[in-house]
Amino acid sequence: MTAATHSLNGLAGLVQRVIALMSSLPEWIIAVAARIAVAGVFWTSARLKVDGFALKDSTYFLFEYEYALPLIPSDWAAVMGTIAEHVFPIMLILGLGTRFGALGLLVMTAVIQTFVYPGAWNLHLLWATGMLYLIIRGPGVLSLDHLIARRYAA
């Protein structure tokens, strides 16, 4: 065995050990990170739209002139969108109805992508990746969904 072959075998072994270490990380870490990341985006947006429990005048303005969704009156869209941006992130953080909260935010993201900011597809795809992970894999063991499922498992 030459020195170069030995060096390559050593490198391959190191790479395999690092991959094995990374593969052994618990999946709940990814789930919690996805829940926090996605919730943070929409929660921050929601909080900017309200003053106490009332929608700001600027929120109505945004929905009428900048967002301008088709088929839905702008004042309805402002109220529904702001409620959704509050409720769905709370669901994600608690891990309660996580898949449904992520699905709701994914639909909102699709609407935003299609009608509001079509040029921001790379950002929306990043958000959608976290949401799709949660829809497909669920919220992980650190969630109310997991506790409820364990409690009512047959």
Protein backbone atom coordinates (compact mmCIF):
# COMPACT_ATOMS: atom_id res chain seq x y z
CA MET A 1 0.00 0.00 0.00
CA THR A 2 1.42 3.33 -1.00
CA ALA A 3 1.37 6.43 1.16
CA ALA A 4 -1.18 8.05 -1.18
CA THR A 5 -3.53 5.06 -0.95
CA HIS A 6 -3.20 4.99 2.84
CA SER A 7 -3.92 8.73 2.96
CA LEU A 8 -7.05 8.32 0.80
CA ASN A 9 -8.28 5.43 2.96
CA GLY A 10 -7.73 7.56 6.04
CA LEU A 11 -9.65 10.44 4.48
CA ALA A 12 -12.49 8.13 3.40
CA GLY A 13 -12.70 6.74 6.92
CA LEU A 14 -12.81 10.24 8.38
CA VAL A 15 -15.55 11.26 5.96
CA GLN A 16 -17.56 8.14 6.85
CA ARG A 17 -17.20 8.85 10.59
CA VAL A 18 -18.31 12.47 10.15
CA ILE A 19 -21.31 11.37 8.06
CA ALA A 20 -22.23 8.76 10.66
CA LEU A 21 -22.01 11.39 13.40
CA MET A 22 -24.22 13.81 11.46
CA SER A 23 -26.69 11.01 10.66
CA SER A 24 -27.02 10.19 14.35
CA LEU A 25 -28.32 13.65 15.26
CA PRO A 26 -31.93 13.42 16.45
CA GLU A 27 -34.55 14.43 13.91
CA TRP A 28 -36.43 16.46 16.52
CA ILE A 29 -33.69 19.11 16.28
CA ILE A 30 -34.57 19.69 12.62
CA ALA A 31 -38.30 19.72 13.41
CA VAL A 32 -37.93 22.28 16.19
CA ALA A 33 -35.67 24.46 14.03
CA ALA A 34 -38.18 24.34 11.16
CA ARG A 35 -41.05 25.20 13.50
CA ILE A 36 -39.22 28.18 15.00
CA ALA A 37 -37.88 29.47 11.66
CA VAL A 38 -41.23 29.36 9.86
CA ALA A 39 -43.22 30.64 12.83
CA GLY A 40 -40.80 33.52 13.32
CA VAL A 41 -41.26 34.83 9.78
CA PHE A 42 -45.05 34.95 9.97
CA TRP A 43 -45.31 36.01 13.63
CA THR A 44 -43.06 39.00 12.97
CA SER A 45 -45.19 39.97 9.98
CA ALA A 46 -48.37 39.62 12.03
CA ARG A 47 -47.12 41.78 14.89
CA LEU A 48 -46.25 44.58 12.46
CA LYS A 49 -49.87 44.67 11.28
CA VAL A 50 -51.54 45.30 14.65
CA ASP A 51 -51.61 47.80 17.46
CA GLY A 52 -52.89 45.94 20.50
CA PHE A 53 -55.89 43.99 19.24
CA ALA A 54 -56.69 46.34 16.36
CA LEU A 55 -55.38 46.30 12.82
CA LYS A 56 -53.34 49.35 11.93
CA ASP A 57 -54.59 51.65 9.19
CA SER A 58 -51.38 50.84 7.34
CA THR A 59 -52.42 47.17 7.26
CA TYR A 60 -55.62 47.99 5.42
CA PHE A 61 -53.62 50.22 3.07
CA LEU A 62 -51.15 47.40 2.33
CA PHE A 63 -53.89 44.91 1.55
CA GLU A 64 -55.74 47.39 -0.64
CA TYR A 65 -52.86 48.81 -2.67
CA GLU A 66 -49.75 46.64 -2.38
CA TYR A 67 -51.08 43.12 -1.83
CA ALA A 68 -54.36 43.60 -3.80
CA LEU A 69 -55.51 39.99 -3.88
CA PRO A 70 -58.08 39.04 -6.50
CA LEU A 71 -61.53 37.72 -5.51
CA ILE A 72 -61.27 38.78 -1.84
CA PRO A 73 -62.16 42.25 -0.58
CA SER A 74 -59.03 43.90 0.80
CA ASP A 75 -60.49 44.50 4.27
CA TRP A 76 -61.43 40.82 4.60
CA ALA A 77 -58.00 39.76 3.36
CA ALA A 78 -56.35 42.06 5.92
CA VAL A 79 -58.31 40.57 8.82
CA MET A 80 -58.05 36.94 7.70
CA GLY A 81 -54.38 37.21 6.79
CA THR A 82 -53.46 38.85 10.09
CA ILE A 83 -55.40 36.29 12.13
CA ALA A 84 -53.75 33.46 10.19
CA GLU A 85 -50.31 35.02 10.70
CA HIS A 86 -50.96 34.95 14.46
CA VAL A 87 -52.69 31.58 14.86
CA PHE A 88 -50.61 29.34 12.58
CA PRO A 89 -47.23 30.33 14.10
CA ILE A 90 -48.58 29.67 17.60
CA MET A 91 -49.64 26.22 16.40
CA LEU A 92 -46.12 25.60 15.10
CA ILE A 93 -44.36 26.79 18.25
CA LEU A 94 -46.58 24.65 20.48
CA GLY A 95 -46.41 21.74 18.07
CA LEU A 96 -50.21 21.55 18.21
CA GLY A 97 -51.93 20.77 14.93
CA THR A 98 -48.52 21.36 13.41
CA ARG A 99 -49.22 19.81 10.03
CA PHE A 100 -52.39 21.89 9.65
CA GLY A 101 -50.64 25.09 10.74
CA ALA A 102 -47.80 24.43 8.30
CA LEU A 103 -50.31 23.68 5.54
CA GLY A 104 -52.13 26.96 6.23
CA LEU A 105 -48.86 28.88 6.03
CA LEU A 106 -47.89 27.01 2.87
CA VAL A 107 -51.15 28.11 1.24
CA MET A 108 -50.47 31.69 2.38
CA THR A 109 -46.97 31.44 0.93
CA ALA A 110 -48.37 30.20 -2.39
CA VAL A 111 -50.77 33.16 -2.48
CA ILE A 112 -47.97 35.59 -1.64
CA GLN A 113 -45.75 34.03 -4.31
CA THR A 114 -48.47 34.06 -6.96
CA PHE A 115 -50.18 37.39 -6.39
CA VAL A 116 -48.02 39.63 -4.21
CA TYR A 117 -44.27 39.10 -4.62
CA PRO A 118 -43.64 36.68 -7.51
CA GLY A 119 -40.04 37.82 -7.76
CA ALA A 120 -39.24 36.57 -4.26
CA TRP A 121 -39.53 32.89 -5.23
CA ASN A 122 -36.18 31.97 -3.65
CA LEU A 123 -37.28 33.27 -0.24
CA HIS A 124 -40.70 31.67 -0.54
CA LEU A 125 -39.10 28.37 -1.55
CA LEU A 126 -36.95 28.52 1.58
CA TRP A 127 -40.05 29.04 3.74
CA ALA A 128 -41.91 26.29 1.86
CA THR A 129 -39.08 23.83 2.48
CA GLY A 130 -39.52 24.12 6.25
CA MET A 131 -43.30 23.89 5.94
CA LEU A 132 -43.14 20.84 3.68
CA TYR A 133 -40.78 19.15 6.12
CA LEU A 134 -43.29 19.72 8.94
CA ILE A 135 -46.24 18.57 6.82
CA ILE A 136 -44.45 15.38 5.76
CA ARG A 137 -42.45 14.48 8.89
CA GLY A 138 -44.45 16.17 11.64
CA PRO A 139 -43.36 18.32 14.57
CA GLY A 140 -41.07 15.84 16.31
CA VAL A 141 -41.06 14.56 19.88
CA LEU A 142 -40.88 18.02 21.50
CA SER A 143 -44.47 18.89 20.64
CA LEU A 144 -47.98 18.72 21.98
CA ASP A 145 -48.92 16.66 18.92
CA HIS A 146 -46.46 13.99 20.03
CA LEU A 147 -47.74 14.02 23.62
CA ILE A 148 -51.35 13.75 22.44
CA ALA A 149 -50.49 10.92 20.04
CA ARG A 150 -48.72 9.00 22.84
CA ARG A 151 -51.64 9.57 25.20
CA TYR A 152 -54.22 8.27 22.75
CA ALA A 153 -52.15 5.57 21.03
CA ALA A 154 -54.03 2.30 20.77
